[in-house]
Amino acid sequence: MIEIPTLVTERLRLCALGERHFEAYAAMLADASSTRFVGDGQPLDRMNAWRSMAMLLGHWALRGCGMWAVELRDSGEFVGRVGLHFPEGWPDLELGWMLVPAHRRKGYATEAARASLDFAFGTLHASRAISLIRAENSASERVARRLGGRQATTIDFLGHATLVYSYHPDR
């Protein structure tokens, strides 16, 4: 077993994705508004949601970081996934987030992403992290800017115009 740290913020708990999260995780990935700006933009069926969760968990073993399940501290309700990854073919360590529709626009993405950046810079000693944001994803751009991210460039990534927001330890 790999050790995935738990991070706690004012309202949230970031913990290892687990089977207890799967139903809510699969429902999030089956929702077109959740997957619109990720990968090929298509919702995932249960089998591919399981594969996604397994990939994110495996990333911790391979790279020493990954995505966390985000839960409400008070109730344990699943809010989404937030964290770090750097899979093969990625330009740099990426900070990413995806929330279930009912938990959007409450500041949870920013709160959880800020804790993830603190982990990246304080624990991993990363010199930089990026967010890859599709050009039409204005909501994620707002989160990146609230986190102190600056648009560094625009690239063609996986066939889409993608903004690269960068973060540094002195944000």
Protein backbone atom coordinates (compact mmCIF):
# COMPACT_ATOMS: atom_id res chain seq x y z
CA MET A 1 0.00 0.00 0.00
CA ILE A 2 1.16 3.50 -0.78
CA GLU A 3 0.80 6.26 1.77
CA ILE A 4 -1.35 9.10 0.48
CA PRO A 5 -1.39 12.05 2.86
CA THR A 6 -4.64 13.63 4.01
CA LEU A 7 -4.86 17.41 3.83
CA VAL A 8 -7.41 19.37 5.82
CA THR A 9 -8.60 22.89 5.05
CA GLU A 10 -11.21 25.08 6.70
CA ARG A 11 -14.13 23.31 4.99
CA LEU A 12 -12.61 20.33 3.18
CA ARG A 13 -10.68 17.10 3.61
CA LEU A 14 -8.45 15.93 0.76
CA CYS A 15 -7.90 12.18 1.10
CA ALA A 16 -7.06 9.11 -0.94
CA LEU A 17 -9.63 8.17 -3.54
CA GLY A 18 -11.23 4.94 -2.47
CA GLU A 19 -13.97 2.52 -3.37
CA ARG A 20 -16.31 4.43 -1.05
CA HIS A 21 -16.04 7.38 -3.47
CA PHE A 22 -16.69 5.38 -6.61
CA GLU A 23 -20.44 5.91 -7.05
CA ALA A 24 -20.13 9.69 -6.73
CA TYR A 25 -16.91 9.70 -8.78
CA ALA A 26 -18.53 7.69 -11.60
CA ALA A 27 -21.58 9.98 -11.55
CA MET A 28 -19.30 13.04 -11.83
CA LEU A 29 -17.47 11.55 -14.82
CA ALA A 30 -20.77 10.53 -16.46
CA ASP A 31 -21.88 14.17 -16.38
CA ALA A 32 -21.10 16.02 -19.63
CA SER A 33 -20.57 19.33 -17.84
CA SER A 34 -17.81 17.72 -15.75
CA THR A 35 -15.88 16.20 -18.64
CA ARG A 36 -16.45 18.92 -21.25
CA PHE A 37 -12.92 20.34 -20.92
CA VAL A 38 -11.01 17.15 -20.03
CA GLY A 39 -9.49 14.57 -22.38
CA ASP A 40 -11.70 14.07 -25.41
CA GLY A 41 -14.51 16.01 -23.73
CA GLN A 42 -16.83 13.01 -23.53
CA PRO A 43 -18.48 11.59 -20.39
CA LEU A 44 -17.14 8.27 -19.13
CA ASP A 45 -19.06 5.08 -18.49
CA ARG A 46 -18.58 3.19 -15.19
CA MET A 47 -15.81 0.97 -16.53
CA ASN A 48 -13.77 3.95 -17.71
CA ALA A 49 -14.53 5.88 -14.52
CA TRP A 50 -13.03 2.92 -12.62
CA ARG A 51 -9.99 2.98 -14.89
CA SER A 52 -9.65 6.73 -14.31
CA MET A 53 -9.72 6.26 -10.54
CA ALA A 54 -7.17 3.45 -10.76
CA MET A 55 -4.87 5.60 -12.92
CA LEU A 56 -5.06 8.48 -10.45
CA LEU A 57 -4.25 6.15 -7.54
CA GLY A 58 -1.38 4.56 -9.48
CA HIS A 59 0.05 8.00 -10.12
CA TRP A 60 0.82 8.28 -6.39
CA ALA A 61 2.97 5.14 -6.58
CA LEU A 62 4.74 6.19 -9.77
CA ARG A 63 5.27 9.92 -9.12
CA GLY A 64 4.77 10.49 -5.39
CA CYS A 65 1.81 12.79 -5.92
CA GLY A 66 -1.65 12.62 -7.38
CA MET A 67 -5.26 13.61 -7.14
CA TRP A 68 -7.17 13.55 -3.90
CA ALA A 69 -10.83 12.89 -3.29
CA VAL A 70 -12.27 16.11 -1.88
CA GLU A 71 -14.87 15.72 0.87
CA LEU A 72 -16.80 18.18 2.98
CA ARG A 73 -15.21 18.09 6.43
CA ASP A 74 -18.51 18.14 8.27
CA SER A 75 -20.38 15.43 6.35
CA GLY A 76 -17.80 13.49 4.33
CA GLU A 77 -19.82 14.16 1.19
CA PHE A 78 -17.81 13.78 -2.03
CA VAL A 79 -17.12 17.17 -3.65
CA GLY A 80 -14.79 16.14 -6.48
CA ARG A 81 -11.13 15.54 -7.22
CA VAL A 82 -8.27 17.99 -6.91
CA GLY A 83 -4.55 17.54 -6.96
CA LEU A 84 -1.35 17.10 -8.88
CA HIS A 85 -0.29 14.88 -11.71
CA PHE A 86 2.50 14.59 -14.23
CA PRO A 87 1.68 11.69 -16.53
CA GLU A 88 3.77 10.70 -19.50
CA GLY A 89 3.43 13.28 -22.28
CA TRP A 90 2.50 16.19 -19.98
CA PRO A 91 4.57 19.38 -20.20
CA ASP A 92 5.01 19.77 -16.41
CA LEU A 93 3.52 19.01 -12.99
CA GLU A 94 -0.16 19.90 -13.36
CA LEU A 95 -2.57 21.17 -10.74
CA GLY A 96 -6.08 20.12 -11.73
CA TRP A 97 -9.59 20.10 -10.34
CA MET A 98 -13.02 18.71 -11.16
CA LEU A 99 -16.05 19.17 -8.94
CA VAL A 100 -19.50 17.62 -9.02
CA PRO A 101 -22.02 20.14 -10.35
CA ALA A 102 -23.78 20.64 -7.00
CA HIS A 103 -20.53 21.82 -5.38
CA ARG A 104 -19.36 24.32 -7.98
CA ARG A 105 -19.23 28.09 -7.38
CA LYS A 106 -18.68 27.74 -3.63
CA GLY A 107 -14.92 28.30 -3.57
CA TYR A 108 -14.13 24.63 -2.99
CA ALA A 109 -11.92 24.26 -6.08
CA THR A 110 -9.81 27.24 -5.01
CA GLU A 111 -9.59 26.07 -1.39
CA ALA A 112 -8.57 22.51 -2.31
CA ALA A 113 -6.21 23.63 -5.07
CA ARG A 114 -4.47 26.04 -2.70
CA ALA A 115 -3.81 23.12 -0.31
CA SER A 116 -2.51 21.08 -3.27
CA LEU A 117 -0.10 23.87 -4.24
CA ASP A 118 1.12 24.11 -0.65
CA PHE A 119 1.84 20.36 -0.84
CA ALA A 120 3.60 20.75 -4.21
CA PHE A 121 5.90 23.49 -2.98
CA GLY A 122 6.26 22.60 0.70
CA THR A 123 6.46 18.79 0.54
CA LEU A 124 7.50 17.96 -3.01
CA HIS A 125 9.73 21.06 -3.28
CA ALA A 126 8.48 21.63 -6.83
CA SER A 127 9.83 24.77 -8.45
CA ARG A 128 6.72 25.22 -10.57
CA ALA A 129 3.28 23.80 -11.24
CA ILE A 130 0.94 24.48 -14.12
CA SER A 131 -2.73 24.20 -14.94
CA LEU A 132 -3.69 23.21 -18.47
CA ILE A 133 -6.96 24.99 -19.16
CA ARG A 134 -8.91 24.77 -22.40
CA ALA A 135 -9.23 28.24 -23.91
CA GLU A 136 -13.03 28.26 -23.53
CA ASN A 137 -13.01 27.20 -19.84
CA SER A 138 -13.42 30.61 -18.20
CA ALA A 139 -14.47 29.15 -14.82
CA SER A 140 -11.15 27.33 -14.46
CA GLU A 141 -9.28 30.43 -15.59
CA ARG A 142 -10.88 32.34 -12.71
CA VAL A 143 -9.77 29.64 -10.24
CA ALA A 144 -6.21 29.74 -11.62
CA ARG A 145 -6.06 33.52 -11.26
CA ARG A 146 -7.40 33.37 -7.68
CA LEU A 147 -4.56 30.96 -6.91
CA GLY A 148 -2.00 33.45 -8.21
CA GLY A 149 -1.49 31.67 -11.52
CA ARG A 150 -0.32 33.62 -14.53
CA GLN A 151 -0.94 32.62 -18.13
CA ALA A 152 2.48 31.70 -19.45
CA THR A 153 1.54 30.60 -22.96
CA THR A 154 -1.05 28.88 -25.12
CA ILE A 155 -0.29 25.47 -26.58
CA ASP A 156 -2.01 22.89 -28.73
CA PHE A 157 -2.55 20.08 -26.21
CA LEU A 158 -4.44 16.93 -27.12
CA GLY A 159 -5.85 18.73 -30.16
CA HIS A 160 -7.22 21.76 -28.28
CA ALA A 161 -6.04 25.33 -27.74
CA THR A 162 -4.90 25.16 -24.12
CA LEU A 163 -3.85 27.95 -21.82
CA VAL A 164 -0.88 27.17 -19.58
CA TYR A 165 -1.18 28.89 -16.21
CA SER A 166 1.94 28.68 -14.07
CA TYR A 167 2.38 28.85 -10.30
CA HIS A 168 5.59 29.35 -8.36
CA PRO A 169 6.42 28.91 -4.66
CA ASP A 170 6.47 32.67 -4.09
CA ARG A 171 2.86 33.09 -5.30
